[in-house]
């Protein structure tokens, strides 16, 4: 299974705007799942399922916006986090 083909086919079928909306929805579902998990209303597997949905949408968004640009931004954020962790 080639992710780029799946991402391209998804955009062709539903369009970018729909995928932006889907990403927002999946993130909201993860937020709700984490809140429910903390209160003991759902199990770990339910959170993992929502994480999988968000992971797929993040992959698609990264492809849509440009993987290199996203990777560069992640590296910058990691460097900043590293500096914060090493401050006295």
N, C-alpha and C. Protein backbone atom coordinates (compact mmCIF):
# COMPACT_ATOMS: atom_id res chain seq x y z
N UNK A 1 0.85 -1.18 0.00
CA UNK A 1 0.00 0.00 0.00
C UNK A 1 0.90 1.24 0.00
N UNK A 2 0.71 2.09 -0.98
CA UNK A 2 1.51 3.30 -1.09
C UNK A 2 0.71 4.49 -0.56
N UNK A 3 1.23 5.11 0.49
CA UNK A 3 0.51 6.21 1.13
C UNK A 3 0.25 7.37 0.18
N UNK A 4 1.25 7.74 -0.61
CA UNK A 4 1.07 8.89 -1.50
C UNK A 4 -0.11 8.66 -2.46
N UNK A 5 -0.25 7.45 -2.96
CA UNK A 5 -1.37 7.14 -3.86
C UNK A 5 -2.70 7.26 -3.11
N UNK A 6 -2.74 6.75 -1.90
CA UNK A 6 -3.96 6.86 -1.10
C UNK A 6 -4.30 8.33 -0.85
N UNK A 7 -3.30 9.12 -0.48
CA UNK A 7 -3.54 10.55 -0.23
C UNK A 7 -4.05 11.24 -1.49
N UNK A 8 -3.40 10.97 -2.61
CA UNK A 8 -3.80 11.58 -3.89
C UNK A 8 -5.22 11.17 -4.27
N UNK A 9 -5.53 9.89 -4.11
CA UNK A 9 -6.88 9.40 -4.44
C UNK A 9 -7.94 10.00 -3.52
N UNK A 10 -7.59 10.17 -2.27
CA UNK A 10 -8.53 10.76 -1.31
C UNK A 10 -8.86 12.20 -1.68
N UNK A 11 -7.83 12.96 -2.04
CA UNK A 11 -8.04 14.36 -2.46
C UNK A 11 -8.87 14.39 -3.74
N UNK A 12 -8.57 13.49 -4.65
CA UNK A 12 -9.32 13.46 -5.91
C UNK A 12 -10.79 13.14 -5.67
N UNK A 13 -11.06 12.27 -4.71
CA UNK A 13 -12.45 11.87 -4.45
C UNK A 13 -13.23 12.91 -3.66
N UNK A 14 -12.64 13.43 -2.58
CA UNK A 14 -13.39 14.32 -1.69
C UNK A 14 -12.95 15.78 -1.73
N UNK A 15 -11.74 16.06 -2.20
CA UNK A 15 -11.25 17.43 -2.27
C UNK A 15 -10.52 17.86 -1.01
N UNK A 16 -9.70 18.89 -1.16
CA UNK A 16 -8.89 19.37 -0.04
C UNK A 16 -9.73 19.92 1.11
N UNK A 17 -10.74 20.72 0.80
CA UNK A 17 -11.55 21.31 1.87
C UNK A 17 -12.17 20.25 2.76
N UNK A 18 -12.67 19.19 2.15
CA UNK A 18 -13.28 18.10 2.93
C UNK A 18 -12.24 17.43 3.82
N UNK A 19 -11.02 17.31 3.31
CA UNK A 19 -9.98 16.68 4.10
C UNK A 19 -9.51 17.57 5.24
N UNK A 20 -9.51 18.88 5.04
CA UNK A 20 -9.22 19.79 6.16
C UNK A 20 -10.27 19.60 7.25
N UNK A 21 -11.53 19.56 6.84
CA UNK A 21 -12.62 19.36 7.80
C UNK A 21 -12.51 18.02 8.50
N UNK A 22 -12.14 16.99 7.75
CA UNK A 22 -11.98 15.65 8.34
C UNK A 22 -10.86 15.65 9.37
N UNK A 23 -9.77 16.34 9.08
CA UNK A 23 -8.67 16.42 10.03
C UNK A 23 -9.12 17.08 11.33
N UNK A 24 -9.88 18.15 11.22
CA UNK A 24 -10.39 18.83 12.41
C UNK A 24 -11.28 17.88 13.21
N UNK A 25 -12.15 17.17 12.52
CA UNK A 25 -13.06 16.23 13.19
C UNK A 25 -12.28 15.13 13.91
N UNK A 26 -11.28 14.58 13.24
CA UNK A 26 -10.50 13.50 13.86
C UNK A 26 -9.74 14.02 15.08
N UNK A 27 -9.21 15.23 15.01
CA UNK A 27 -8.53 15.80 16.17
C UNK A 27 -9.49 16.01 17.33
N UNK A 28 -10.69 16.46 17.03
CA UNK A 28 -11.71 16.66 18.07
C UNK A 28 -12.07 15.33 18.71
N UNK A 29 -12.18 14.27 17.90
CA UNK A 29 -12.50 12.95 18.45
C UNK A 29 -11.38 12.45 19.35
N UNK A 30 -10.13 12.74 18.99
CA UNK A 30 -9.01 12.36 19.85
C UNK A 30 -9.05 13.14 21.17
N UNK A 31 -9.35 14.41 21.10
CA UNK A 31 -9.46 15.22 22.32
C UNK A 31 -10.52 14.61 23.24
N UNK A 32 -11.68 14.31 22.68
CA UNK A 32 -12.76 13.72 23.49
C UNK A 32 -12.33 12.37 24.05
N UNK A 33 -11.67 11.55 23.25
CA UNK A 33 -11.23 10.24 23.72
C UNK A 33 -10.25 10.37 24.88
N UNK A 34 -9.32 11.31 24.78
CA UNK A 34 -8.36 11.49 25.87
C UNK A 34 -9.05 11.93 27.15
N UNK A 35 -10.03 12.81 27.02
CA UNK A 35 -10.78 13.25 28.20
C UNK A 35 -11.53 12.06 28.82
N UNK A 36 -12.17 11.25 27.98
CA UNK A 36 -12.91 10.08 28.48
C UNK A 36 -11.96 9.06 29.10
N UNK A 37 -10.79 8.88 28.50
CA UNK A 37 -9.81 7.93 29.03
C UNK A 37 -9.36 8.34 30.42
N UNK A 38 -9.08 9.62 30.59
CA UNK A 38 -8.64 10.11 31.91
C UNK A 38 -9.68 9.88 32.98
N UNK A 39 -10.96 9.88 32.58
CA UNK A 39 -12.05 9.66 33.54
C UNK A 39 -12.44 8.19 33.65
N UNK A 40 -11.75 7.32 32.93
CA UNK A 40 -12.02 5.90 33.01
C UNK A 40 -13.26 5.45 32.24
N UNK A 41 -13.74 6.27 31.32
CA UNK A 41 -14.94 5.92 30.56
C UNK A 41 -14.66 5.06 29.34
N UNK A 42 -13.43 5.10 28.82
CA UNK A 42 -13.05 4.27 27.68
C UNK A 42 -11.69 3.65 27.97
N UNK A 43 -11.36 2.62 27.19
CA UNK A 43 -10.08 1.94 27.40
C UNK A 43 -9.00 2.47 26.45
N UNK A 44 -7.82 1.96 26.67
CA UNK A 44 -6.64 2.37 25.89
C UNK A 44 -6.84 2.14 24.39
N UNK A 45 -7.49 1.04 24.02
CA UNK A 45 -7.69 0.72 22.61
C UNK A 45 -8.52 1.79 21.89
N UNK A 46 -9.48 2.37 22.58
CA UNK A 46 -10.29 3.43 21.97
C UNK A 46 -9.43 4.65 21.67
N UNK A 47 -8.51 4.97 22.57
CA UNK A 47 -7.59 6.09 22.33
C UNK A 47 -6.65 5.76 21.18
N UNK A 48 -6.17 4.54 21.14
CA UNK A 48 -5.27 4.13 20.06
C UNK A 48 -5.97 4.22 18.71
N UNK A 49 -7.23 3.84 18.65
CA UNK A 49 -7.98 3.95 17.39
C UNK A 49 -8.08 5.40 16.94
N UNK A 50 -8.33 6.31 17.88
CA UNK A 50 -8.40 7.73 17.52
C UNK A 50 -7.02 8.26 17.12
N UNK A 51 -5.97 7.80 17.81
CA UNK A 51 -4.61 8.19 17.42
C UNK A 51 -4.30 7.74 16.00
N UNK A 52 -4.76 6.56 15.63
CA UNK A 52 -4.53 6.06 14.27
C UNK A 52 -5.23 6.96 13.25
N UNK A 53 -6.48 7.36 13.55
CA UNK A 53 -7.19 8.27 12.64
C UNK A 53 -6.45 9.59 12.48
N UNK A 54 -6.00 10.15 13.58
CA UNK A 54 -5.29 11.43 13.53
C UNK A 54 -3.95 11.27 12.81
N UNK A 55 -3.26 10.16 13.06
CA UNK A 55 -1.99 9.91 12.39
C UNK A 55 -2.17 9.87 10.88
N UNK A 56 -3.21 9.22 10.41
CA UNK A 56 -3.48 9.17 8.98
C UNK A 56 -3.78 10.55 8.43
N UNK A 57 -4.56 11.33 9.16
CA UNK A 57 -4.88 12.68 8.69
C UNK A 57 -3.64 13.58 8.71
N UNK A 58 -2.78 13.42 9.72
CA UNK A 58 -1.54 14.20 9.75
C UNK A 58 -0.65 13.85 8.57
N UNK A 59 -0.60 12.58 8.21
CA UNK A 59 0.16 12.18 7.04
C UNK A 59 -0.39 12.82 5.78
N UNK A 60 -1.71 12.82 5.68
CA UNK A 60 -2.34 13.43 4.50
C UNK A 60 -2.10 14.93 4.46
N UNK A 61 -2.26 15.60 5.58
CA UNK A 61 -2.01 17.04 5.63
C UNK A 61 -0.55 17.36 5.32
N UNK A 62 0.36 16.55 5.85
CA UNK A 62 1.78 16.76 5.57
C UNK A 62 2.05 16.63 4.08
N UNK A 63 1.42 15.65 3.45
CA UNK A 63 1.56 15.48 2.01
C UNK A 63 0.98 16.68 1.27
N UNK A 64 -0.17 17.16 1.71
CA UNK A 64 -0.84 18.29 1.05
C UNK A 64 -0.02 19.57 1.18
N UNK A 65 0.56 19.82 2.34
CA UNK A 65 1.30 21.06 2.58
C UNK A 65 2.76 20.98 2.19
N UNK A 66 3.27 19.76 2.07
CA UNK A 66 4.67 19.56 1.70
C UNK A 66 5.43 18.87 2.82
N UNK A 67 5.80 17.62 2.59
CA UNK A 67 6.46 16.83 3.63
C UNK A 67 7.78 17.44 4.08
N UNK A 68 8.56 17.97 3.14
CA UNK A 68 9.85 18.55 3.53
C UNK A 68 9.65 19.75 4.45
N UNK A 69 8.70 20.59 4.12
CA UNK A 69 8.43 21.76 4.96
C UNK A 69 7.99 21.34 6.36
N UNK A 70 7.14 20.32 6.43
CA UNK A 70 6.69 19.82 7.73
C UNK A 70 7.86 19.21 8.50
N UNK A 71 8.67 18.40 7.82
CA UNK A 71 9.84 17.80 8.48
C UNK A 71 10.79 18.87 9.01
N UNK A 72 11.01 19.92 8.22
CA UNK A 72 11.88 21.02 8.67
C UNK A 72 11.30 21.71 9.91
N UNK A 73 9.99 21.94 9.90
CA UNK A 73 9.34 22.58 11.05
C UNK A 73 9.44 21.69 12.29
N UNK A 74 9.28 20.38 12.11
CA UNK A 74 9.41 19.45 13.24
C UNK A 74 10.83 19.50 13.80
N UNK A 75 11.82 19.53 12.93
CA UNK A 75 13.21 19.60 13.39
C UNK A 75 13.46 20.89 14.18
N UNK A 76 12.91 22.00 13.70
CA UNK A 76 13.04 23.27 14.43
C UNK A 76 12.37 23.18 15.80
N UNK A 77 11.19 22.57 15.86
CA UNK A 77 10.48 22.44 17.14
C UNK A 77 11.25 21.52 18.09
N UNK A 78 11.83 20.45 17.56
CA UNK A 78 12.62 19.55 18.40
C UNK A 78 13.85 20.25 18.96
N UNK A 79 14.51 21.05 18.13
CA UNK A 79 15.68 21.80 18.59
C UNK A 79 15.29 22.77 19.70
N UNK A 80 14.14 23.43 19.54
CA UNK A 80 13.66 24.36 20.57
C UNK A 80 13.35 23.61 21.86
N UNK A 81 12.69 22.46 21.74
CA UNK A 81 12.37 21.66 22.92
C UNK A 81 13.64 21.20 23.62
N UNK A 82 14.62 20.80 22.84
CA UNK A 82 15.90 20.37 23.41
C UNK A 82 16.55 21.51 24.18
N UNK A 83 16.52 22.72 23.60
CA UNK A 83 17.08 23.88 24.32
C UNK A 83 16.32 24.13 25.61
N UNK A 84 15.00 24.04 25.57
CA UNK A 84 14.20 24.27 26.79
C UNK A 84 14.51 23.22 27.85
N UNK A 85 14.72 22.00 27.44
CA UNK A 85 14.98 20.93 28.40
C UNK A 85 16.36 21.06 29.03
N UNK A 86 17.27 21.73 28.33
CA UNK A 86 18.63 21.86 28.84
C UNK A 86 18.90 23.18 29.55
N UNK A 87 17.85 24.02 29.66
CA UNK A 87 18.03 25.27 30.41
C UNK A 87 18.10 24.97 31.89
N UNK A 88 18.86 25.79 32.61
CA UNK A 88 19.02 25.58 34.05
C UNK A 88 17.83 26.04 34.83
